Amino acid sequence: MMRVLAMSALAGAMGLAATVEARSLHDRLRSCLELKDMTKERLDCYDAILSPQPKPMPLPAKVVSDCRFSEVENARLICFNRFVENTAKPVAPKATATPAEPTVVVPTARPTGAPTR
């Protein structure tokens, strides 16, 4: 029983460490947004954090770390921007339509003189 609890605690700590690491990576990438957009300086900032590993035919990026596989500098910069800028801008809650009127359920009255069970 103690071994199971220890393993669960270890797994939880590892998950927390991965979350903290991802947050740290994200924060470091966001710091590159201070540099002018679509410049070599911003790309150099991203590349210093996630070094490029170009592939001839990279798949579309599903996570920010996939951006480093693009050979074309502009494509790599746009890819990084897509992931980093989207999370940097606060998302305002969407305006909802006018709320519907609440439905009131009124019990029906029994006809007078109706037999009761």
N, C-alpha and C. Protein backbone atom coordinates (compact mmCIF):
# COMPACT_ATOMS: atom_id res chain seq x y z
N MET A 1 0.83 -1.19 0.00
CA MET A 1 0.00 0.00 0.00
C MET A 1 0.87 1.25 0.00
N MET A 2 1.89 1.28 0.84
CA MET A 2 2.78 2.43 0.91
C MET A 2 3.52 2.63 -0.42
N ARG A 3 3.85 1.51 -1.05
CA ARG A 3 4.56 1.59 -2.33
C ARG A 3 3.68 2.24 -3.40
N VAL A 4 2.40 1.90 -3.39
CA VAL A 4 1.46 2.48 -4.34
C VAL A 4 1.34 3.98 -4.09
N LEU A 5 1.23 4.38 -2.81
CA LEU A 5 1.13 5.79 -2.49
C LEU A 5 2.39 6.55 -2.90
N ALA A 6 3.54 5.95 -2.68
CA ALA A 6 4.80 6.59 -3.05
C ALA A 6 4.89 6.76 -4.57
N MET A 7 4.46 5.73 -5.31
CA MET A 7 4.50 5.80 -6.77
C MET A 7 3.53 6.88 -7.27
N SER A 8 2.36 6.97 -6.63
CA SER A 8 1.38 7.98 -7.02
C SER A 8 1.92 9.38 -6.76
N ALA A 9 2.57 9.56 -5.62
CA ALA A 9 3.15 10.86 -5.29
C ALA A 9 4.25 11.23 -6.28
N LEU A 10 5.06 10.25 -6.64
CA LEU A 10 6.14 10.48 -7.59
C LEU A 10 5.58 10.86 -8.96
N ALA A 11 4.57 10.15 -9.40
CA ALA A 11 3.95 10.44 -10.69
C ALA A 11 3.33 11.83 -10.68
N GLY A 12 2.70 12.19 -9.59
CA GLY A 12 2.11 13.53 -9.47
C GLY A 12 3.17 14.61 -9.51
N ALA A 13 4.29 14.38 -8.82
CA ALA A 13 5.38 15.35 -8.82
C ALA A 13 5.99 15.48 -10.21
N MET A 14 6.11 14.36 -10.92
CA MET A 14 6.67 14.41 -12.27
C MET A 14 5.75 15.19 -13.20
N GLY A 15 4.45 15.00 -13.05
CA GLY A 15 3.48 15.74 -13.85
C GLY A 15 3.54 17.22 -13.55
N LEU A 16 3.72 17.57 -12.28
CA LEU A 16 3.84 18.96 -11.88
C LEU A 16 5.11 19.56 -12.44
N ALA A 17 6.20 18.81 -12.41
CA ALA A 17 7.46 19.29 -12.95
C ALA A 17 7.34 19.54 -14.46
N ALA A 18 6.66 18.66 -15.16
CA ALA A 18 6.47 18.84 -16.60
C ALA A 18 5.63 20.09 -16.88
N THR A 19 4.63 20.34 -16.04
CA THR A 19 3.79 21.52 -16.20
C THR A 19 4.60 22.78 -15.95
N VAL A 20 5.43 22.77 -14.91
CA VAL A 20 6.27 23.93 -14.60
C VAL A 20 7.26 24.17 -15.73
N GLU A 21 7.84 23.10 -16.27
CA GLU A 21 8.79 23.22 -17.37
C GLU A 21 8.11 23.81 -18.61
N ALA A 22 6.92 23.33 -18.91
CA ALA A 22 6.18 23.85 -20.06
C ALA A 22 5.85 25.32 -19.86
N ARG A 23 5.46 25.68 -18.65
CA ARG A 23 5.14 27.07 -18.33
C ARG A 23 6.39 27.94 -18.50
N SER A 24 7.52 27.45 -18.03
CA SER A 24 8.77 28.18 -18.14
C SER A 24 9.13 28.39 -19.62
N LEU A 25 9.00 27.36 -20.43
CA LEU A 25 9.28 27.45 -21.86
C LEU A 25 8.36 28.50 -22.49
N HIS A 26 7.10 28.42 -22.14
CA HIS A 26 6.13 29.37 -22.68
C HIS A 26 6.49 30.81 -22.28
N ASP A 27 6.86 31.02 -21.03
CA ASP A 27 7.22 32.35 -20.58
C ASP A 27 8.46 32.86 -21.30
N ARG A 28 9.44 31.99 -21.51
CA ARG A 28 10.65 32.40 -22.22
C ARG A 28 10.32 32.76 -23.66
N LEU A 29 9.45 31.98 -24.32
CA LEU A 29 9.06 32.29 -25.69
C LEU A 29 8.29 33.60 -25.75
N ARG A 30 7.45 33.83 -24.77
CA ARG A 30 6.67 35.08 -24.74
C ARG A 30 7.57 36.30 -24.60
N SER A 31 8.72 36.14 -23.96
CA SER A 31 9.63 37.28 -23.81
C SER A 31 10.12 37.76 -25.18
N CYS A 32 10.11 36.90 -26.17
CA CYS A 32 10.54 37.27 -27.53
C CYS A 32 9.54 38.23 -28.18
N LEU A 33 8.31 38.30 -27.68
CA LEU A 33 7.31 39.19 -28.25
C LEU A 33 7.68 40.66 -28.05
N GLU A 34 8.63 40.93 -27.15
CA GLU A 34 9.06 42.31 -26.94
C GLU A 34 9.85 42.84 -28.13
N LEU A 35 10.39 41.93 -28.95
CA LEU A 35 11.14 42.32 -30.13
C LEU A 35 10.17 42.56 -31.29
N LYS A 36 10.58 43.40 -32.22
CA LYS A 36 9.72 43.74 -33.35
C LYS A 36 9.33 42.49 -34.13
N ASP A 37 8.05 42.44 -34.52
CA ASP A 37 7.51 41.28 -35.23
C ASP A 37 8.14 41.14 -36.61
N MET A 38 8.26 39.89 -37.05
CA MET A 38 8.77 39.52 -38.37
C MET A 38 10.19 40.04 -38.62
N THR A 39 11.01 40.02 -37.55
CA THR A 39 12.41 40.43 -37.69
C THR A 39 13.31 39.24 -37.39
N LYS A 40 14.54 39.36 -37.87
CA LYS A 40 15.55 38.33 -37.60
C LYS A 40 15.83 38.25 -36.10
N GLU A 41 15.76 39.37 -35.40
CA GLU A 41 16.01 39.39 -33.96
C GLU A 41 15.00 38.53 -33.20
N ARG A 42 13.72 38.64 -33.59
CA ARG A 42 12.72 37.82 -32.90
C ARG A 42 12.94 36.35 -33.21
N LEU A 43 13.24 36.02 -34.46
CA LEU A 43 13.50 34.63 -34.81
C LEU A 43 14.72 34.11 -34.05
N ASP A 44 15.77 34.94 -33.95
CA ASP A 44 16.96 34.53 -33.19
C ASP A 44 16.62 34.27 -31.73
N CYS A 45 15.71 35.05 -31.18
CA CYS A 45 15.27 34.85 -29.80
C CYS A 45 14.57 33.50 -29.65
N TYR A 46 13.63 33.21 -30.56
CA TYR A 46 12.95 31.91 -30.53
C TYR A 46 13.95 30.77 -30.71
N ASP A 47 14.86 30.93 -31.68
CA ASP A 47 15.83 29.88 -31.98
C ASP A 47 16.78 29.63 -30.81
N ALA A 48 17.06 30.65 -30.02
CA ALA A 48 17.92 30.48 -28.85
C ALA A 48 17.23 29.62 -27.79
N ILE A 49 15.91 29.66 -27.76
CA ILE A 49 15.15 28.88 -26.78
C ILE A 49 14.88 27.47 -27.30
N LEU A 50 14.46 27.36 -28.54
CA LEU A 50 14.22 26.06 -29.19
C LEU A 50 15.08 26.03 -30.44
N SER A 51 16.25 25.45 -30.35
CA SER A 51 17.18 25.48 -31.47
C SER A 51 16.60 24.79 -32.69
N PRO A 52 16.83 25.38 -33.88
CA PRO A 52 16.28 24.81 -35.10
C PRO A 52 16.84 23.43 -35.40
N GLN A 53 15.98 22.57 -35.88
CA GLN A 53 16.36 21.22 -36.33
C GLN A 53 15.61 20.98 -37.63
N PRO A 54 16.02 21.69 -38.71
CA PRO A 54 15.26 21.65 -39.96
C PRO A 54 15.11 20.24 -40.54
N LYS A 55 13.94 20.02 -41.08
CA LYS A 55 13.62 18.78 -41.79
C LYS A 55 13.14 19.19 -43.17
N PRO A 56 13.46 18.40 -44.19
CA PRO A 56 13.06 18.78 -45.55
C PRO A 56 11.56 18.92 -45.74
N MET A 57 10.78 18.05 -45.15
CA MET A 57 9.32 18.08 -45.33
C MET A 57 8.65 17.96 -43.96
N PRO A 58 8.70 19.02 -43.14
CA PRO A 58 8.10 18.91 -41.80
C PRO A 58 6.57 18.84 -41.88
N LEU A 59 6.00 18.14 -40.93
CA LEU A 59 4.54 18.09 -40.82
C LEU A 59 4.05 19.41 -40.22
N PRO A 60 2.79 19.75 -40.39
CA PRO A 60 2.27 20.96 -39.74
C PRO A 60 2.46 20.87 -38.23
N ALA A 61 2.85 21.97 -37.63
CA ALA A 61 3.14 22.00 -36.19
C ALA A 61 1.86 21.82 -35.38
N LYS A 62 1.91 20.88 -34.44
CA LYS A 62 0.79 20.66 -33.52
C LYS A 62 1.08 21.29 -32.17
N VAL A 63 2.38 21.42 -31.84
CA VAL A 63 2.82 22.07 -30.61
C VAL A 63 3.95 23.02 -30.97
N VAL A 64 4.22 23.96 -30.10
CA VAL A 64 5.20 25.00 -30.40
C VAL A 64 6.59 24.44 -30.70
N SER A 65 6.96 23.35 -30.06
CA SER A 65 8.30 22.80 -30.30
C SER A 65 8.44 22.22 -31.71
N ASP A 66 7.33 21.96 -32.40
CA ASP A 66 7.40 21.48 -33.79
C ASP A 66 7.84 22.58 -34.76
N CYS A 67 7.76 23.84 -34.35
CA CYS A 67 8.14 24.95 -35.22
C CYS A 67 9.61 24.89 -35.60
N ARG A 68 10.43 24.32 -34.77
CA ARG A 68 11.88 24.30 -35.03
C ARG A 68 12.24 23.42 -36.23
N PHE A 69 11.32 22.62 -36.74
CA PHE A 69 11.61 21.72 -37.84
C PHE A 69 11.51 22.38 -39.22
N SER A 70 10.95 23.57 -39.29
CA SER A 70 10.80 24.26 -40.57
C SER A 70 12.15 24.82 -41.03
N GLU A 71 12.48 24.58 -42.31
CA GLU A 71 13.75 25.08 -42.86
C GLU A 71 13.67 26.57 -43.19
N VAL A 72 12.51 27.01 -43.61
CA VAL A 72 12.33 28.40 -44.05
C VAL A 72 12.17 29.30 -42.83
N GLU A 73 13.03 30.32 -42.73
CA GLU A 73 13.02 31.18 -41.55
C GLU A 73 11.68 31.87 -41.34
N ASN A 74 11.10 32.44 -42.40
CA ASN A 74 9.81 33.13 -42.24
C ASN A 74 8.72 32.17 -41.78
N ALA A 75 8.71 30.98 -42.31
CA ALA A 75 7.71 29.98 -41.90
C ALA A 75 7.89 29.62 -40.43
N ARG A 76 9.15 29.50 -40.00
CA ARG A 76 9.44 29.17 -38.60
C ARG A 76 9.00 30.31 -37.69
N LEU A 77 9.27 31.53 -38.08
CA LEU A 77 8.87 32.70 -37.29
C LEU A 77 7.36 32.80 -37.18
N ILE A 78 6.67 32.61 -38.30
CA ILE A 78 5.20 32.66 -38.29
C ILE A 78 4.64 31.55 -37.40
N CYS A 79 5.25 30.38 -37.47
CA CYS A 79 4.80 29.26 -36.65
C CYS A 79 4.93 29.59 -35.16
N PHE A 80 6.11 30.09 -34.75
CA PHE A 80 6.31 30.46 -33.35
C PHE A 80 5.30 31.53 -32.94
N ASN A 81 5.16 32.55 -33.78
CA ASN A 81 4.21 33.63 -33.46
C ASN A 81 2.81 33.09 -33.25
N ARG A 82 2.40 32.16 -34.10
CA ARG A 82 1.04 31.61 -34.01
C ARG A 82 0.78 31.01 -32.62
N PHE A 83 1.75 30.27 -32.12
CA PHE A 83 1.55 29.65 -30.81
C PHE A 83 1.71 30.64 -29.67
N VAL A 84 2.70 31.50 -29.75
CA VAL A 84 3.02 32.38 -28.63
C VAL A 84 2.06 33.56 -28.56
N GLU A 85 1.74 34.17 -29.68
CA GLU A 85 0.85 35.33 -29.66
C GLU A 85 -0.57 34.96 -29.29
N ASN A 86 -1.04 33.82 -29.71
CA ASN A 86 -2.42 33.41 -29.38
C ASN A 86 -2.62 33.28 -27.89
N THR A 87 -1.62 32.80 -27.18
CA THR A 87 -1.78 32.63 -25.74
C THR A 87 -1.42 33.89 -24.99
N ALA A 88 -0.76 34.85 -25.64
CA ALA A 88 -0.37 36.08 -24.97
C ALA A 88 -1.53 37.05 -24.86
N LYS A 89 -2.44 36.99 -25.81
CA LYS A 89 -3.57 37.91 -25.82
C LYS A 89 -4.69 37.35 -24.95
N PRO A 90 -5.18 38.14 -24.00
CA PRO A 90 -6.29 37.63 -23.20
C PRO A 90 -7.53 37.46 -24.07
N VAL A 91 -8.25 36.44 -23.79
CA VAL A 91 -9.45 36.14 -24.57
C VAL A 91 -10.65 36.67 -23.80
N ALA A 92 -11.35 37.59 -24.43
CA ALA A 92 -12.55 38.14 -23.80
C ALA A 92 -13.68 37.13 -23.92
N PRO A 93 -14.49 37.03 -22.89
CA PRO A 93 -15.61 36.10 -23.00
C PRO A 93 -16.55 36.54 -24.11
N LYS A 94 -17.07 35.57 -24.81
CA LYS A 94 -17.97 35.87 -25.92
C LYS A 94 -19.29 36.38 -25.36
N ALA A 95 -19.82 37.38 -26.04
CA ALA A 95 -21.12 37.92 -25.64
C ALA A 95 -22.19 36.88 -25.97
N THR A 96 -23.05 36.66 -25.05
CA THR A 96 -24.12 35.69 -25.28
C THR A 96 -25.38 36.44 -25.66
N ALA A 97 -26.25 35.75 -26.32
CA ALA A 97 -27.54 36.32 -26.68
C ALA A 97 -28.32 36.60 -25.41
N THR A 98 -29.38 37.37 -25.54
CA THR A 98 -30.21 37.67 -24.40
C THR A 98 -30.67 36.37 -23.76
N PRO A 99 -30.49 36.26 -22.45
CA PRO A 99 -30.89 35.01 -21.81
C PRO A 99 -32.39 34.76 -21.98
N ALA A 100 -32.71 33.53 -22.14
CA ALA A 100 -34.12 33.14 -22.30
C ALA A 100 -34.85 33.33 -20.97
N GLU A 101 -36.11 33.64 -21.09
CA GLU A 101 -36.93 33.78 -19.90
C GLU A 101 -37.03 32.43 -19.20
N PRO A 102 -36.99 32.42 -17.88
CA PRO A 102 -37.11 31.14 -17.20
C PRO A 102 -38.49 30.54 -17.42
N THR A 103 -38.52 29.25 -17.52
CA THR A 103 -39.78 28.55 -17.72
C THR A 103 -40.40 28.27 -16.36
N VAL A 104 -41.63 28.66 -16.22
CA VAL A 104 -42.33 28.43 -14.96
C VAL A 104 -43.31 27.29 -15.17
N VAL A 105 -43.21 26.28 -14.33
CA VAL A 105 -44.12 25.15 -14.41
C VAL A 105 -45.18 25.34 -13.34
N VAL A 106 -46.41 25.42 -13.80
CA VAL A 106 -47.53 25.60 -12.88
C VAL A 106 -48.30 24.29 -12.84
N PRO A 107 -48.44 23.71 -11.63
CA PRO A 107 -49.19 22.45 -11.55
C PRO A 107 -50.66 22.70 -11.93
N THR A 108 -51.20 21.73 -12.62
CA THR A 108 -52.60 21.85 -13.02
C THR A 108 -53.49 21.47 -11.84
N ALA A 109 -54.55 22.17 -11.72
CA ALA A 109 -55.48 21.90 -10.62
C ALA A 109 -56.41 20.77 -11.02
N ARG A 110 -56.75 19.96 -10.04
CA ARG A 110 -57.71 18.89 -10.32
C ARG A 110 -59.10 19.47 -10.41
N PRO A 111 -59.88 18.89 -11.29
CA PRO A 111 -61.27 19.36 -11.33
C PRO A 111 -61.94 19.05 -10.00
N THR A 112 -62.77 19.94 -9.58
CA THR A 112 -63.47 19.72 -8.30
C THR A 112 -64.42 18.54 -8.42
N GLY A 113 -64.43 17.81 -7.38
CA GLY A 113 -65.28 16.63 -7.37
C GLY A 113 -64.65 15.41 -7.98
N ALA A 114 -63.38 15.50 -8.39
CA ALA A 114 -62.71 14.34 -8.97
C ALA A 114 -62.32 13.40 -7.84
N PRO A 115 -62.47 12.12 -8.07
CA PRO A 115 -62.15 11.18 -6.99
C PRO A 115 -60.65 11.18 -6.71
N THR A 116 -60.29 11.00 -5.49
CA THR A 116 -58.88 10.91 -5.10
C THR A 116 -58.54 9.45 -4.89
N ARG A 117 -57.39 9.09 -5.05
CA ARG A 117 -57.00 7.69 -4.88
C ARG A 117 -56.55 7.41 -3.52
